[in-house]
Each structure stands twice: as C-alpha cells, then as structure tokens.
C-alpha cells in the first residue's frame, strides 16, 4: 500500500486484485529471501564424498579413536604430539560430547604459540628463510626479526591479504 503522505490511490485494477486475493483466503507466503535456507542432505561434502567412493566400490572409513584424532589434530596444527594429560582429558570429554571436545581442542591448539611456529615454517620454507648465510660460513645474520614477524602474524590472525601486502611491498608501507 502506498504511504498516506504519497497521496497516491490504488487503481481499480489494484483494488480488484486485493479483493480477489482476500476472497480467495488471503494466503500470504513470506518472501523467499527471508526464509531460512534448507540444506539439501545430498549436497553435504560427506554425501558427495560417499557417492564418489560408492562409484569406486569403496566406503567411508570408520570414525577414528579419540586419542588418534587428538594426535592428528596436534600434529596438523602445532607439529607436536599431545601430552598424556591432554590425551586423557580429551578422551574423557570426547565420550560425553565428541563435537564439543574436538572444537575445544582445536581452539586451544589454534591459540597456542606453536600454531604460529608450525604455520610459519611452511611460509619461511617457501621464501627460503635461513638464519645463516649458507655455504660461505655460518656467521649469524639478523633475520630473526622476519621469522618472528611471520610467526606473530599467524598467531595474531593477521588477515592473509594484509600479510601478503606486507610481504610484497613491506618496504613501501609508511612506518613499516
């Protein structure tokens, strides 16, 4: 309906459309854009993987044991094994609520300083970082600041686009 301050009136055709709609029961369906999306179970990554495996005569692996899962998380995220206490705590929590236990362990590992060291290792390898000058001798060079910057970038969740800008054009950024 037009707002009163617009001073517009409905045409006869528009009035007839409203009249017919009311006479038919006035069914109203909310706009599709305001509906909660329904996830099609056939589109989840698990179902897509399962379909591909079925075509090859394979099946999904069984869920792994809690201690194995924790070891995988630790090695993937920090590169270090879990302690005995961490394994015990995770295994106990996993029995109660597996998803919550995994989420908590993942969050803890991502907030660990070892996470930045693990992730920085791959970047530093790619840019050929070294603490020495190479085969000419092993005198130390002052490049540990760069190594620490890369580690801290990962640990402080520096956005990737900003990280790349600083890597490529760091010398052109004011006050860098």
C-alpha atoms as a PDB file:
ATOM      1  CA  UNK A   1       0.000   0.000   0.000  1.00  0.00           C
ATOM      2  CA  UNK A   2       1.296   3.448  -0.749  1.00  0.00           C
ATOM      3  CA  UNK A   3       2.018   5.535   2.358  1.00  0.00           C
ATOM      4  CA  UNK A   4      -0.597   8.266   3.066  1.00  0.00           C
ATOM      5  CA  UNK A   5       1.903  11.088   2.551  1.00  0.00           C
ATOM      6  CA  UNK A   6       2.456   9.967  -1.046  1.00  0.00           C
ATOM      7  CA  UNK A   7      -1.167  10.953  -1.856  1.00  0.00           C
ATOM      8  CA  UNK A   8      -1.371   8.056  -4.309  1.00  0.00           C
ATOM      9  CA  UNK A   9      -4.514   5.981  -4.602  1.00  0.00           C
ATOM     10  CA  UNK A  10      -4.942   2.404  -5.719  1.00  0.00           C
ATOM     11  CA  UNK A  11      -6.233   1.914  -9.240  1.00  0.00           C
ATOM     12  CA  UNK A  12      -9.407  -0.070  -9.901  1.00  0.00           C
ATOM     13  CA  UNK A  13      -7.300  -2.952 -11.181  1.00  0.00           C
ATOM     14  CA  UNK A  14      -5.143  -2.970  -7.998  1.00  0.00           C
ATOM     15  CA  UNK A  15      -8.275  -2.844  -5.806  1.00  0.00           C
ATOM     16  CA  UNK A  16      -9.738  -5.789  -7.740  1.00  0.00           C
ATOM     17  CA  UNK A  17      -6.516  -7.792  -7.256  1.00  0.00           C
ATOM     18  CA  UNK A  18      -6.674  -7.185  -3.486  1.00  0.00           C
ATOM     19  CA  UNK A  19     -10.399  -8.015  -3.399  1.00  0.00           C
ATOM     20  CA  UNK A  20      -9.839 -11.293  -5.272  1.00  0.00           C
ATOM     21  CA  UNK A  21      -6.896 -12.200  -3.029  1.00  0.00           C
ATOM     22  CA  UNK A  22      -8.928 -11.634   0.156  1.00  0.00           C
ATOM     23  CA  UNK A  23     -11.893 -13.547  -1.276  1.00  0.00           C
ATOM     24  CA  UNK A  24      -9.559 -16.473  -2.077  1.00  0.00           C
ATOM     25  CA  UNK A  25      -8.464 -16.683   1.568  1.00  0.00           C
ATOM     26  CA  UNK A  26      -5.692 -14.091   1.703  1.00  0.00           C
ATOM     27  CA  UNK A  27      -2.912 -16.656   1.847  1.00  0.00           C
ATOM     28  CA  UNK A  28       0.401 -14.980   2.472  1.00  0.00           C
ATOM     29  CA  UNK A  29       3.778 -16.577   1.910  1.00  0.00           C
ATOM     30  CA  UNK A  30       6.831 -14.792   3.265  1.00  0.00           C
ATOM     31  CA  UNK A  31       9.353 -13.717   0.643  1.00  0.00           C
ATOM     32  CA  UNK A  32      11.838 -16.478  -0.201  1.00  0.00           C
ATOM     33  CA  UNK A  33      14.786 -14.237   0.671  1.00  0.00           C
ATOM     34  CA  UNK A  34      13.657 -14.121   4.293  1.00  0.00           C
ATOM     35  CA  UNK A  35      13.316 -17.875   4.665  1.00  0.00           C
ATOM     36  CA  UNK A  36      15.903 -19.938   6.492  1.00  0.00           C
ATOM     37  CA  UNK A  37      17.800 -21.884   3.827  1.00  0.00           C
ATOM     38  CA  UNK A  38      17.246 -25.620   3.932  1.00  0.00           C
ATOM     39  CA  UNK A  39      20.378 -27.639   3.398  1.00  0.00           C
ATOM     40  CA  UNK A  40      19.900 -30.455   0.989  1.00  0.00           C
ATOM     41  CA  UNK A  41      21.348 -33.563   2.591  1.00  0.00           C
ATOM     42  CA  UNK A  42      22.567 -34.671  -0.837  1.00  0.00           C
ATOM     43  CA  UNK A  43      24.811 -31.610  -1.152  1.00  0.00           C
ATOM     44  CA  UNK A  44      26.888 -32.007   2.007  1.00  0.00           C
ATOM     45  CA  UNK A  45      30.540 -32.767   1.454  1.00  0.00           C
ATOM     46  CA  UNK A  46      30.167 -36.105   3.233  1.00  0.00           C
ATOM     47  CA  UNK A  47      27.411 -37.262   0.901  1.00  0.00           C
ATOM     48  CA  UNK A  48      29.373 -36.122  -2.161  1.00  0.00           C
ATOM     49  CA  UNK A  49      32.455 -37.997  -0.975  1.00  0.00           C
ATOM     50  CA  UNK A  50      30.340 -41.045  -0.160  1.00  0.00           C
ATOM     51  CA  UNK A  51      28.831 -41.033  -3.678  1.00  0.00           C
ATOM     52  CA  UNK A  52      32.291 -40.848  -5.250  1.00  0.00           C
ATOM     53  CA  UNK A  53      33.533 -43.683  -3.052  1.00  0.00           C
ATOM     54  CA  UNK A  54      30.491 -45.826  -3.885  1.00  0.00           C
ATOM     55  CA  UNK A  55      31.218 -45.468  -7.605  1.00  0.00           C
ATOM     56  CA  UNK A  56      34.637 -46.987  -6.951  1.00  0.00           C
ATOM     57  CA  UNK A  57      33.294 -49.708  -4.665  1.00  0.00           C
ATOM     58  CA  UNK A  58      34.702 -48.108  -1.521  1.00  0.00           C
ATOM     59  CA  UNK A  59      33.125 -46.973   1.747  1.00  0.00           C
ATOM     60  CA  UNK A  60      33.845 -44.245   4.274  1.00  0.00           C
ATOM     61  CA  UNK A  61      36.369 -45.043   6.966  1.00  0.00           C
ATOM     62  CA  UNK A  62      35.062 -45.717  10.441  1.00  0.00           C
ATOM     63  CA  UNK A  63      35.445 -42.853  12.927  1.00  0.00           C
ATOM     64  CA  UNK A  64      38.890 -42.907  14.496  1.00  0.00           C
ATOM     65  CA  UNK A  65      39.603 -43.420  18.184  1.00  0.00           C
ATOM     66  CA  UNK A  66      39.642 -40.274  20.314  1.00  0.00           C
ATOM     67  CA  UNK A  67      43.360 -40.467  21.130  1.00  0.00           C
ATOM     68  CA  UNK A  68      44.243 -40.903  17.442  1.00  0.00           C
ATOM     69  CA  UNK A  69      42.075 -37.947  16.492  1.00  0.00           C
ATOM     70  CA  UNK A  70      43.794 -35.764  19.095  1.00  0.00           C
ATOM     71  CA  UNK A  71      47.233 -36.822  17.830  1.00  0.00           C
ATOM     72  CA  UNK A  72      46.220 -35.897  14.285  1.00  0.00           C
ATOM     73  CA  UNK A  73      44.941 -32.507  15.431  1.00  0.00           C
ATOM     74  CA  UNK A  74      48.131 -31.830  17.374  1.00  0.00           C
ATOM     75  CA  UNK A  75      50.483 -32.807  14.578  1.00  0.00           C
ATOM     76  CA  UNK A  76      48.493 -30.936  11.912  1.00  0.00           C
ATOM     77  CA  UNK A  77      48.090 -27.711  13.888  1.00  0.00           C
ATOM     78  CA  UNK A  78      51.235 -27.485  16.031  1.00  0.00           C
ATOM     79  CA  UNK A  79      53.546 -30.198  14.730  1.00  0.00           C
ATOM     80  CA  UNK A  80      53.899 -31.565  18.270  1.00  0.00           C
ATOM     81  CA  UNK A  81      52.353 -34.603  19.983  1.00  0.00           C
ATOM     82  CA  UNK A  82      49.809 -34.171  22.784  1.00  0.00           C
ATOM     83  CA  UNK A  83      50.812 -34.764  26.390  1.00  0.00           C
ATOM     84  CA  UNK A  84      49.426 -37.724  28.338  1.00  0.00           C
ATOM     85  CA  UNK A  85      47.244 -35.356  30.368  1.00  0.00           C
ATOM     86  CA  UNK A  86      45.830 -33.811  27.187  1.00  0.00           C
ATOM     87  CA  UNK A  87      45.026 -37.252  25.777  1.00  0.00           C
ATOM     88  CA  UNK A  88      43.242 -38.287  28.974  1.00  0.00           C
ATOM     89  CA  UNK A  89      41.245 -35.043  29.199  1.00  0.00           C
ATOM     90  CA  UNK A  90      40.297 -35.178  25.516  1.00  0.00           C
ATOM     91  CA  UNK A  91      39.296 -38.843  25.640  1.00  0.00           C
ATOM     92  CA  UNK A  92      37.052 -38.203  28.659  1.00  0.00           C
ATOM     93  CA  UNK A  93      35.464 -35.135  27.038  1.00  0.00           C
ATOM     94  CA  UNK A  94      35.061 -36.986  23.724  1.00  0.00           C
ATOM     95  CA  UNK A  95      32.964 -39.694  25.427  1.00  0.00           C
ATOM     96  CA  UNK A  96      30.498 -37.030  26.629  1.00  0.00           C
ATOM     97  CA  UNK A  97      30.317 -34.776  23.545  1.00  0.00           C
ATOM     98  CA  UNK A  98      32.646 -35.576  20.621  1.00  0.00           C
ATOM     99  CA  UNK A  99      31.938 -32.405  18.627  1.00  0.00           C
ATOM    100  CA  UNK A 100      32.468 -30.123  21.625  1.00  0.00           C
ATOM    101  CA  UNK A 101      35.682 -31.940  22.550  1.00  0.00           C
ATOM    102  CA  UNK A 102      37.091 -31.518  19.039  1.00  0.00           C
ATOM    103  CA  UNK A 103      36.046 -27.855  18.896  1.00  0.00           C
ATOM    104  CA  UNK A 104      37.625 -27.123  22.281  1.00  0.00           C
ATOM    105  CA  UNK A 105      40.870 -28.934  21.401  1.00  0.00           C
ATOM    106  CA  UNK A 106      41.062 -27.175  18.036  1.00  0.00           C
ATOM    107  CA  UNK A 107      40.509 -23.747  19.597  1.00  0.00           C
ATOM    108  CA  UNK A 108      43.169 -24.461  22.212  1.00  0.00           C
ATOM    109  CA  UNK A 109      45.673 -25.562  19.579  1.00  0.00           C
ATOM    110  CA  UNK A 110      44.962 -22.576  17.333  1.00  0.00           C
ATOM    111  CA  UNK A 111      45.612 -20.223  20.253  1.00  0.00           C
ATOM    112  CA  UNK A 112      48.906 -21.947  21.066  1.00  0.00           C
ATOM    113  CA  UNK A 113      52.173 -20.181  20.118  1.00  0.00           C
ATOM    114  CA  UNK A 114      53.178 -23.476  18.496  1.00  0.00           C
ATOM    115  CA  UNK A 115      50.456 -22.931  15.877  1.00  0.00           C
ATOM    116  CA  UNK A 116      52.221 -19.843  14.533  1.00  0.00           C
ATOM    117  CA  UNK A 117      55.543 -21.644  14.506  1.00  0.00           C
ATOM    118  CA  UNK A 118      54.081 -24.589  12.586  1.00  0.00           C
ATOM    119  CA  UNK A 119      52.313 -22.429  10.010  1.00  0.00           C
ATOM    120  CA  UNK A 120      55.250 -20.042   9.650  1.00  0.00           C
ATOM    121  CA  UNK A 121      57.545 -22.968   8.894  1.00  0.00           C
ATOM    122  CA  UNK A 122      55.833 -23.558   5.544  1.00  0.00           C
ATOM    123  CA  UNK A 123      55.937 -19.874   4.602  1.00  0.00           C
ATOM    124  CA  UNK A 124      59.556 -19.487   5.685  1.00  0.00           C
ATOM    125  CA  UNK A 125      60.495 -22.551   3.632  1.00  0.00           C
ATOM    126  CA  UNK A 126      58.741 -21.046   0.601  1.00  0.00           C
ATOM    127  CA  UNK A 127      60.650 -17.752   0.894  1.00  0.00           C
ATOM    128  CA  UNK A 128      63.906 -19.650   1.553  1.00  0.00           C
ATOM    129  CA  UNK A 129      64.441 -18.218   5.032  1.00  0.00           C
ATOM    130  CA  UNK A 130      67.718 -19.144   6.719  1.00  0.00           C
ATOM    131  CA  UNK A 131      69.487 -18.000   9.887  1.00  0.00           C
ATOM    132  CA  UNK A 132      72.888 -18.273   8.211  1.00  0.00           C
ATOM    133  CA  UNK A 133      74.433 -17.029   5.009  1.00  0.00           C
ATOM    134  CA  UNK A 134      74.710 -20.532   3.609  1.00  0.00           C
ATOM    135  CA  UNK A 135      77.758 -22.417   2.422  1.00  0.00           C
ATOM    136  CA  UNK A 136      80.109 -19.401   2.773  1.00  0.00           C
ATOM    137  CA  UNK A 137      80.156 -19.766   6.534  1.00  0.00           C
ATOM    138  CA  UNK A 138      77.847 -19.966   9.451  1.00  0.00           C
ATOM    139  CA  UNK A 139      78.037 -16.426  10.699  1.00  0.00           C
ATOM    140  CA  UNK A 140      74.641 -15.371  12.003  1.00  0.00           C
ATOM    141  CA  UNK A 141      72.595 -12.778  10.198  1.00  0.00           C
ATOM    142  CA  UNK A 142      69.958 -10.506  11.718  1.00  0.00           C
ATOM    143  CA  UNK A 143      66.912 -12.047  10.077  1.00  0.00           C
ATOM    144  CA  UNK A 144      65.265 -13.468  13.173  1.00  0.00           C
ATOM    145  CA  UNK A 145      63.041 -10.365  13.261  1.00  0.00           C
ATOM    146  CA  UNK A 146      61.496 -11.511   9.983  1.00  0.00           C
ATOM    147  CA  UNK A 147      60.988 -15.034  11.340  1.00  0.00           C
ATOM    148  CA  UNK A 148      59.335 -13.628  14.482  1.00  0.00           C
ATOM    149  CA  UNK A 149      57.140 -11.323  12.372  1.00  0.00           C
ATOM    150  CA  UNK A 150      55.859 -14.287  10.327  1.00  0.00           C
ATOM    151  CA  UNK A 151      55.187 -16.378  13.454  1.00  0.00           C
ATOM    152  CA  UNK A 152      53.382 -13.482  15.150  1.00  0.00           C
ATOM    153  CA  UNK A 153      51.332 -12.822  12.009  1.00  0.00           C
ATOM    154  CA  UNK A 154      49.888 -16.325  12.211  1.00  0.00           C
ATOM    155  CA  UNK A 155      49.429 -16.235  15.977  1.00  0.00           C
ATOM    156  CA  UNK A 156      47.699 -12.837  15.852  1.00  0.00           C
ATOM    157  CA  UNK A 157      45.371 -13.803  12.976  1.00  0.00           C
ATOM    158  CA  UNK A 158      46.722 -11.164  10.600  1.00  0.00           C
ATOM    159  CA  UNK A 159      44.388 -11.231   7.569  1.00  0.00           C
ATOM    160  CA  UNK A 160      46.024 -13.051   4.670  1.00  0.00           C
ATOM    161  CA  UNK A 161      45.607 -10.148   2.241  1.00  0.00           C
ATOM    162  CA  UNK A 162      47.383  -7.815   4.692  1.00  0.00           C
ATOM    163  CA  UNK A 163      50.115 -10.391   5.260  1.00  0.00           C
ATOM    164  CA  UNK A 164      50.737 -10.666   1.509  1.00  0.00           C
ATOM    165  CA  UNK A 165      50.787  -6.876   1.082  1.00  0.00           C
ATOM    166  CA  UNK A 166      53.377  -6.633   3.839  1.00  0.00           C
ATOM    167  CA  UNK A 167      55.427  -9.444   2.281  1.00  0.00           C
ATOM    168  CA  UNK A 168      55.438  -7.991  -1.217  1.00  0.00           C
ATOM    169  CA  UNK A 169      55.557  -4.269  -0.521  1.00  0.00           C
ATOM    170  CA  UNK A 170      56.656  -4.011   3.115  1.00  0.00           C
ATOM    171  CA  UNK A 171      59.416  -1.559   2.232  1.00  0.00           C
ATOM    172  CA  UNK A 172      56.873   0.783   0.623  1.00  0.00           C
ATOM    173  CA  UNK A 173      54.444   0.872   3.552  1.00  0.00           C
ATOM    174  CA  UNK A 174      54.843   4.033   5.669  1.00  0.00           C
ATOM    175  CA  UNK A 175      56.098   3.423   9.233  1.00  0.00           C
ATOM    176  CA  UNK A 176      56.687  -0.259   8.497  1.00  0.00           C
END
